[in-house]
Amino acid sequence: MDPKGISSPGYRMHAFVCGHTRPEGAARGCCNDKGSLDLMKQFKQMAKDSGIKDVRVQKSGCLDFCESGPTCVIYPSGNWFKITSESIPSLVKYLDDGTLPSEFLLDLKA
């Protein structure tokens, strides 16, 4: 058993928040410059404070949708979201009970 009380490998849900940084002046923006790491910390803390133990929230490298960011993808569903302070409570609820916060889904075709 690990320190978080998990006795089997893996997680029920796994959220990745883009933490990519591009050089100053790059043609494409980056999620880190849009506050993604602070949002990831808020998301992680709120999930922890909610008592959810079988999920993981972590930083990722580039998720390739920085123009729409900051972005987050949650597995195993593979749903993509624009993460904001306003979306975090809904994303935590999604991690907890599976209620899909469709208003924060990222339109990958845009």
N, C-alpha and C. Protein backbone atom coordinates (compact mmCIF):
# COMPACT_ATOMS: atom_id res chain seq x y z
N MET A 1 0.85 -1.18 0.00
CA MET A 1 0.00 0.00 0.00
C MET A 1 0.90 1.25 0.00
N ASP A 2 0.56 2.19 -0.86
CA ASP A 2 1.37 3.40 -0.91
C ASP A 2 0.88 4.41 0.13
N PRO A 3 1.59 5.53 0.32
CA PRO A 3 1.21 6.51 1.34
C PRO A 3 -0.18 7.11 1.16
N LYS A 4 -0.73 7.03 -0.06
CA LYS A 4 -2.06 7.59 -0.31
C LYS A 4 -3.16 6.56 -0.07
N GLY A 5 -2.78 5.36 0.34
CA GLY A 5 -3.78 4.33 0.62
C GLY A 5 -4.18 3.51 -0.58
N ILE A 6 -3.44 3.61 -1.67
CA ILE A 6 -3.76 2.85 -2.88
C ILE A 6 -3.00 1.54 -2.83
N SER A 7 -3.75 0.43 -2.97
CA SER A 7 -3.12 -0.88 -2.85
C SER A 7 -2.94 -1.58 -4.20
N SER A 8 -3.38 -0.95 -5.28
CA SER A 8 -3.18 -1.54 -6.60
C SER A 8 -2.59 -0.47 -7.53
N PRO A 9 -1.88 -0.91 -8.56
CA PRO A 9 -1.27 0.07 -9.47
C PRO A 9 -2.34 0.79 -10.30
N GLY A 10 -2.01 1.99 -10.68
CA GLY A 10 -2.91 2.75 -11.54
C GLY A 10 -3.94 3.54 -10.76
N TYR A 11 -4.73 4.27 -11.49
CA TYR A 11 -5.76 5.13 -10.92
C TYR A 11 -7.04 4.94 -11.70
N ARG A 12 -8.17 5.20 -11.05
CA ARG A 12 -9.46 5.11 -11.72
C ARG A 12 -9.56 6.19 -12.81
N MET A 13 -9.07 7.38 -12.51
CA MET A 13 -9.02 8.48 -13.48
C MET A 13 -7.69 9.20 -13.31
N HIS A 14 -7.19 9.73 -14.42
CA HIS A 14 -5.88 10.39 -14.43
C HIS A 14 -6.01 11.67 -15.25
N ALA A 15 -5.79 12.81 -14.61
CA ALA A 15 -5.91 14.11 -15.27
C ALA A 15 -4.52 14.68 -15.55
N PHE A 16 -4.32 15.09 -16.78
CA PHE A 16 -3.06 15.71 -17.19
C PHE A 16 -3.35 17.17 -17.56
N VAL A 17 -2.63 18.09 -16.94
CA VAL A 17 -2.77 19.52 -17.22
C VAL A 17 -1.51 19.97 -17.95
N CYS A 18 -1.68 20.58 -19.11
CA CYS A 18 -0.54 21.02 -19.91
C CYS A 18 0.29 22.03 -19.13
N GLY A 19 1.58 21.76 -19.03
CA GLY A 19 2.50 22.67 -18.37
C GLY A 19 3.61 23.13 -19.30
N HIS A 20 3.32 23.04 -20.60
CA HIS A 20 4.34 23.34 -21.60
C HIS A 20 4.71 24.82 -21.63
N THR A 21 5.99 25.07 -21.86
CA THR A 21 6.51 26.43 -22.00
C THR A 21 7.23 26.55 -23.34
N ARG A 22 6.91 27.60 -24.07
CA ARG A 22 7.62 27.89 -25.32
C ARG A 22 8.49 29.12 -25.10
N PRO A 23 9.50 29.27 -25.93
CA PRO A 23 10.36 30.46 -25.81
C PRO A 23 9.57 31.74 -26.05
N GLU A 24 10.01 32.80 -25.43
CA GLU A 24 9.38 34.10 -25.62
C GLU A 24 9.39 34.45 -27.10
N GLY A 25 8.25 34.94 -27.59
CA GLY A 25 8.14 35.32 -28.99
C GLY A 25 7.76 34.19 -29.92
N ALA A 26 7.53 32.99 -29.39
CA ALA A 26 7.14 31.86 -30.24
C ALA A 26 5.81 32.15 -30.90
N ALA A 27 5.63 31.64 -32.11
CA ALA A 27 4.41 31.89 -32.88
C ALA A 27 3.17 31.35 -32.16
N ARG A 28 3.29 30.19 -31.52
CA ARG A 28 2.17 29.61 -30.78
C ARG A 28 2.30 29.99 -29.31
N GLY A 29 1.19 30.21 -28.66
CA GLY A 29 1.23 30.47 -27.23
C GLY A 29 1.53 29.20 -26.47
N CYS A 30 1.54 29.29 -25.16
CA CYS A 30 1.74 28.08 -24.35
C CYS A 30 0.87 28.16 -23.10
N CYS A 31 0.46 26.99 -22.65
CA CYS A 31 -0.44 26.91 -21.50
C CYS A 31 0.21 27.44 -20.23
N ASN A 32 1.50 27.24 -20.07
CA ASN A 32 2.17 27.71 -18.86
C ASN A 32 2.04 29.22 -18.72
N ASP A 33 2.18 29.95 -19.82
CA ASP A 33 2.05 31.41 -19.77
C ASP A 33 0.62 31.85 -19.44
N LYS A 34 -0.33 30.92 -19.56
CA LYS A 34 -1.74 31.21 -19.25
C LYS A 34 -2.12 30.72 -17.86
N GLY A 35 -1.12 30.40 -17.04
CA GLY A 35 -1.37 30.04 -15.65
C GLY A 35 -1.69 28.59 -15.39
N SER A 36 -1.33 27.70 -16.31
CA SER A 36 -1.72 26.30 -16.17
C SER A 36 -1.16 25.63 -14.92
N LEU A 37 0.05 25.98 -14.52
CA LEU A 37 0.63 25.31 -13.35
C LEU A 37 -0.08 25.71 -12.06
N ASP A 38 -0.47 26.97 -11.94
CA ASP A 38 -1.25 27.39 -10.77
C ASP A 38 -2.61 26.70 -10.77
N LEU A 39 -3.23 26.60 -11.95
CA LEU A 39 -4.52 25.92 -12.05
C LEU A 39 -4.39 24.44 -11.70
N MET A 40 -3.30 23.82 -12.16
CA MET A 40 -3.08 22.41 -11.85
C MET A 40 -2.96 22.22 -10.34
N LYS A 41 -2.25 23.12 -9.66
CA LYS A 41 -2.11 23.02 -8.20
C LYS A 41 -3.46 23.16 -7.51
N GLN A 42 -4.29 24.10 -7.99
CA GLN A 42 -5.63 24.28 -7.42
C GLN A 42 -6.47 23.02 -7.63
N PHE A 43 -6.42 22.47 -8.83
CA PHE A 43 -7.17 21.27 -9.20
C PHE A 43 -6.74 20.10 -8.31
N LYS A 44 -5.44 19.91 -8.19
CA LYS A 44 -4.88 18.82 -7.39
C LYS A 44 -5.30 18.97 -5.92
N GLN A 45 -5.19 20.18 -5.38
CA GLN A 45 -5.53 20.41 -3.98
C GLN A 45 -7.03 20.20 -3.73
N MET A 46 -7.86 20.68 -4.64
CA MET A 46 -9.30 20.53 -4.47
C MET A 46 -9.70 19.05 -4.53
N ALA A 47 -9.07 18.29 -5.42
CA ALA A 47 -9.35 16.85 -5.49
C ALA A 47 -8.93 16.18 -4.18
N LYS A 48 -7.78 16.55 -3.67
CA LYS A 48 -7.28 15.98 -2.41
C LYS A 48 -8.21 16.36 -1.26
N ASP A 49 -8.60 17.63 -1.19
CA ASP A 49 -9.48 18.11 -0.13
C ASP A 49 -10.86 17.44 -0.18
N SER A 50 -11.25 16.98 -1.37
CA SER A 50 -12.53 16.30 -1.54
C SER A 50 -12.47 14.84 -1.09
N GLY A 51 -11.27 14.38 -0.76
CA GLY A 51 -11.12 13.02 -0.27
C GLY A 51 -11.04 11.96 -1.36
N ILE A 52 -10.84 12.38 -2.59
CA ILE A 52 -10.74 11.42 -3.70
C ILE A 52 -9.33 10.84 -3.68
N LYS A 53 -9.23 9.52 -3.53
CA LYS A 53 -7.90 8.90 -3.40
C LYS A 53 -7.49 8.08 -4.61
N ASP A 54 -8.43 7.74 -5.48
CA ASP A 54 -8.08 6.83 -6.58
C ASP A 54 -7.94 7.55 -7.91
N VAL A 55 -7.56 8.83 -7.85
CA VAL A 55 -7.33 9.62 -9.06
C VAL A 55 -5.98 10.32 -8.92
N ARG A 56 -5.48 10.78 -10.04
CA ARG A 56 -4.22 11.54 -10.02
C ARG A 56 -4.38 12.75 -10.92
N VAL A 57 -3.90 13.89 -10.45
CA VAL A 57 -3.86 15.13 -11.22
C VAL A 57 -2.39 15.51 -11.30
N GLN A 58 -1.89 15.70 -12.53
CA GLN A 58 -0.48 16.03 -12.67
C GLN A 58 -0.22 16.88 -13.90
N LYS A 59 0.95 17.48 -13.91
CA LYS A 59 1.41 18.28 -15.05
C LYS A 59 1.83 17.33 -16.17
N SER A 60 1.60 17.79 -17.39
CA SER A 60 2.10 17.04 -18.55
C SER A 60 2.97 17.97 -19.38
N GLY A 61 3.59 17.39 -20.37
CA GLY A 61 4.25 18.18 -21.39
C GLY A 61 3.19 18.74 -22.33
N CYS A 62 3.59 19.17 -23.48
CA CYS A 62 2.68 19.79 -24.44
C CYS A 62 1.57 18.82 -24.84
N LEU A 63 0.32 19.30 -24.74
CA LEU A 63 -0.84 18.53 -25.18
C LEU A 63 -1.29 18.97 -26.57
N ASP A 64 -0.60 19.95 -27.15
CA ASP A 64 -0.78 20.39 -28.53
C ASP A 64 -2.06 21.17 -28.81
N PHE A 65 -2.71 21.71 -27.79
CA PHE A 65 -3.87 22.57 -28.00
C PHE A 65 -3.69 23.87 -27.22
N CYS A 66 -2.45 24.36 -27.19
CA CYS A 66 -2.12 25.54 -26.39
C CYS A 66 -2.91 26.78 -26.81
N GLU A 67 -3.28 26.86 -28.08
CA GLU A 67 -4.05 28.03 -28.53
C GLU A 67 -5.40 28.09 -27.83
N SER A 68 -5.90 26.95 -27.39
CA SER A 68 -7.20 26.87 -26.70
C SER A 68 -7.03 26.80 -25.19
N GLY A 69 -5.80 26.87 -24.72
CA GLY A 69 -5.49 26.56 -23.34
C GLY A 69 -5.72 27.67 -22.34
N PRO A 70 -5.45 27.29 -21.11
CA PRO A 70 -4.80 26.07 -20.68
C PRO A 70 -5.73 24.86 -20.82
N THR A 71 -5.13 23.72 -21.16
CA THR A 71 -5.90 22.52 -21.44
C THR A 71 -5.59 21.40 -20.45
N CYS A 72 -6.55 20.47 -20.41
CA CYS A 72 -6.47 19.32 -19.53
C CYS A 72 -7.13 18.15 -20.24
N VAL A 73 -6.56 16.96 -20.14
CA VAL A 73 -7.19 15.75 -20.66
C VAL A 73 -7.30 14.77 -19.51
N ILE A 74 -8.44 14.09 -19.43
CA ILE A 74 -8.67 13.14 -18.35
C ILE A 74 -8.92 11.76 -18.94
N TYR A 75 -8.14 10.80 -18.45
CA TYR A 75 -8.27 9.40 -18.88
C TYR A 75 -8.85 8.58 -17.75
N PRO A 76 -9.57 7.49 -18.04
CA PRO A 76 -9.54 6.75 -19.30
C PRO A 76 -10.51 7.25 -20.36
N SER A 77 -11.37 8.22 -20.03
CA SER A 77 -12.37 8.67 -21.00
C SER A 77 -11.76 9.39 -22.20
N GLY A 78 -10.63 10.08 -21.98
CA GLY A 78 -10.01 10.85 -23.06
C GLY A 78 -10.73 12.15 -23.34
N ASN A 79 -11.50 12.65 -22.36
CA ASN A 79 -12.18 13.93 -22.54
C ASN A 79 -11.21 15.08 -22.30
N TRP A 80 -11.31 16.08 -23.17
CA TRP A 80 -10.44 17.26 -23.12
C TRP A 80 -11.23 18.45 -22.59
N PHE A 81 -10.57 19.27 -21.77
CA PHE A 81 -11.22 20.42 -21.16
C PHE A 81 -10.33 21.64 -21.21
N LYS A 82 -10.98 22.81 -21.23
CA LYS A 82 -10.27 24.07 -20.98
C LYS A 82 -10.34 24.24 -19.48
N ILE A 83 -9.19 24.35 -18.84
CA ILE A 83 -9.17 24.46 -17.38
C ILE A 83 -9.05 25.92 -16.96
N THR A 84 -9.97 26.32 -16.09
CA THR A 84 -10.00 27.67 -15.53
C THR A 84 -10.34 27.52 -14.04
N SER A 85 -10.21 28.59 -13.30
CA SER A 85 -10.63 28.55 -11.89
C SER A 85 -12.10 28.18 -11.78
N GLU A 86 -12.90 28.63 -12.75
CA GLU A 86 -14.33 28.33 -12.73
C GLU A 86 -14.62 26.87 -13.05
N SER A 87 -13.79 26.24 -13.86
CA SER A 87 -14.05 24.84 -14.25
C SER A 87 -13.58 23.83 -13.22
N ILE A 88 -12.66 24.21 -12.36
CA ILE A 88 -12.04 23.24 -11.44
C ILE A 88 -13.06 22.52 -10.55
N PRO A 89 -14.01 23.20 -9.90
CA PRO A 89 -14.98 22.44 -9.09
C PRO A 89 -15.75 21.40 -9.91
N SER A 90 -16.10 21.73 -11.14
CA SER A 90 -16.81 20.77 -12.00
C SER A 90 -15.90 19.62 -12.41
N LEU A 91 -14.63 19.91 -12.65
CA LEU A 91 -13.68 18.85 -13.00
C LEU A 91 -13.45 17.91 -11.81
N VAL A 92 -13.41 18.45 -10.61
CA VAL A 92 -13.27 17.61 -9.42
C VAL A 92 -14.50 16.73 -9.26
N LYS A 93 -15.68 17.29 -9.49
CA LYS A 93 -16.92 16.49 -9.42
C LYS A 93 -16.87 15.37 -10.45
N TYR A 94 -16.35 15.67 -11.63
CA TYR A 94 -16.20 14.64 -12.67
C TYR A 94 -15.27 13.53 -12.19
N LEU A 95 -14.17 13.89 -11.56
CA LEU A 95 -13.26 12.87 -11.02
C LEU A 95 -13.94 12.04 -9.94
N ASP A 96 -14.80 12.69 -9.17
CA ASP A 96 -15.44 12.01 -8.05
C ASP A 96 -16.58 11.09 -8.48
N ASP A 97 -17.51 11.63 -9.28
CA ASP A 97 -18.71 10.84 -9.58
C ASP A 97 -19.01 10.64 -11.06
N GLY A 98 -18.14 11.15 -11.93
CA GLY A 98 -18.32 10.93 -13.36
C GLY A 98 -19.27 11.89 -14.05
N THR A 99 -19.76 12.92 -13.33
CA THR A 99 -20.65 13.90 -13.94
C THR A 99 -19.84 14.74 -14.93
N LEU A 100 -20.13 14.57 -16.22
CA LEU A 100 -19.36 15.24 -17.27
C LEU A 100 -19.69 16.73 -17.32
N PRO A 101 -18.70 17.61 -17.10
CA PRO A 101 -18.93 19.05 -17.19
C PRO A 101 -18.85 19.51 -18.65
N SER A 102 -19.90 19.23 -19.40
CA SER A 102 -19.87 19.46 -20.85
C SER A 102 -19.62 20.92 -21.22
N GLU A 103 -19.97 21.84 -20.33
CA GLU A 103 -19.76 23.26 -20.63
C GLU A 103 -18.29 23.62 -20.70
N PHE A 104 -17.42 22.76 -20.19
CA PHE A 104 -15.98 23.03 -20.21
C PHE A 104 -15.22 22.12 -21.17
N LEU A 105 -15.95 21.30 -21.93
CA LEU A 105 -15.29 20.45 -22.92
C LEU A 105 -14.58 21.30 -23.96
N LEU A 106 -13.43 20.87 -24.37
CA LEU A 106 -12.65 21.58 -25.38
C LEU A 106 -13.09 21.11 -26.76
N ASP A 107 -13.37 22.04 -27.64
CA ASP A 107 -13.74 21.72 -29.01
C ASP A 107 -12.45 21.50 -29.80
N LEU A 108 -12.10 20.25 -30.01
CA LEU A 108 -10.84 19.92 -30.67
C LEU A 108 -10.85 20.22 -32.16
N LYS A 109 -12.01 20.51 -32.71
CA LYS A 109 -12.11 20.80 -34.15
C LYS A 109 -12.00 22.29 -34.43
N ALA A 110 -12.02 23.10 -33.38
CA ALA A 110 -11.99 24.56 -33.56
C ALA A 110 -10.62 25.04 -33.96
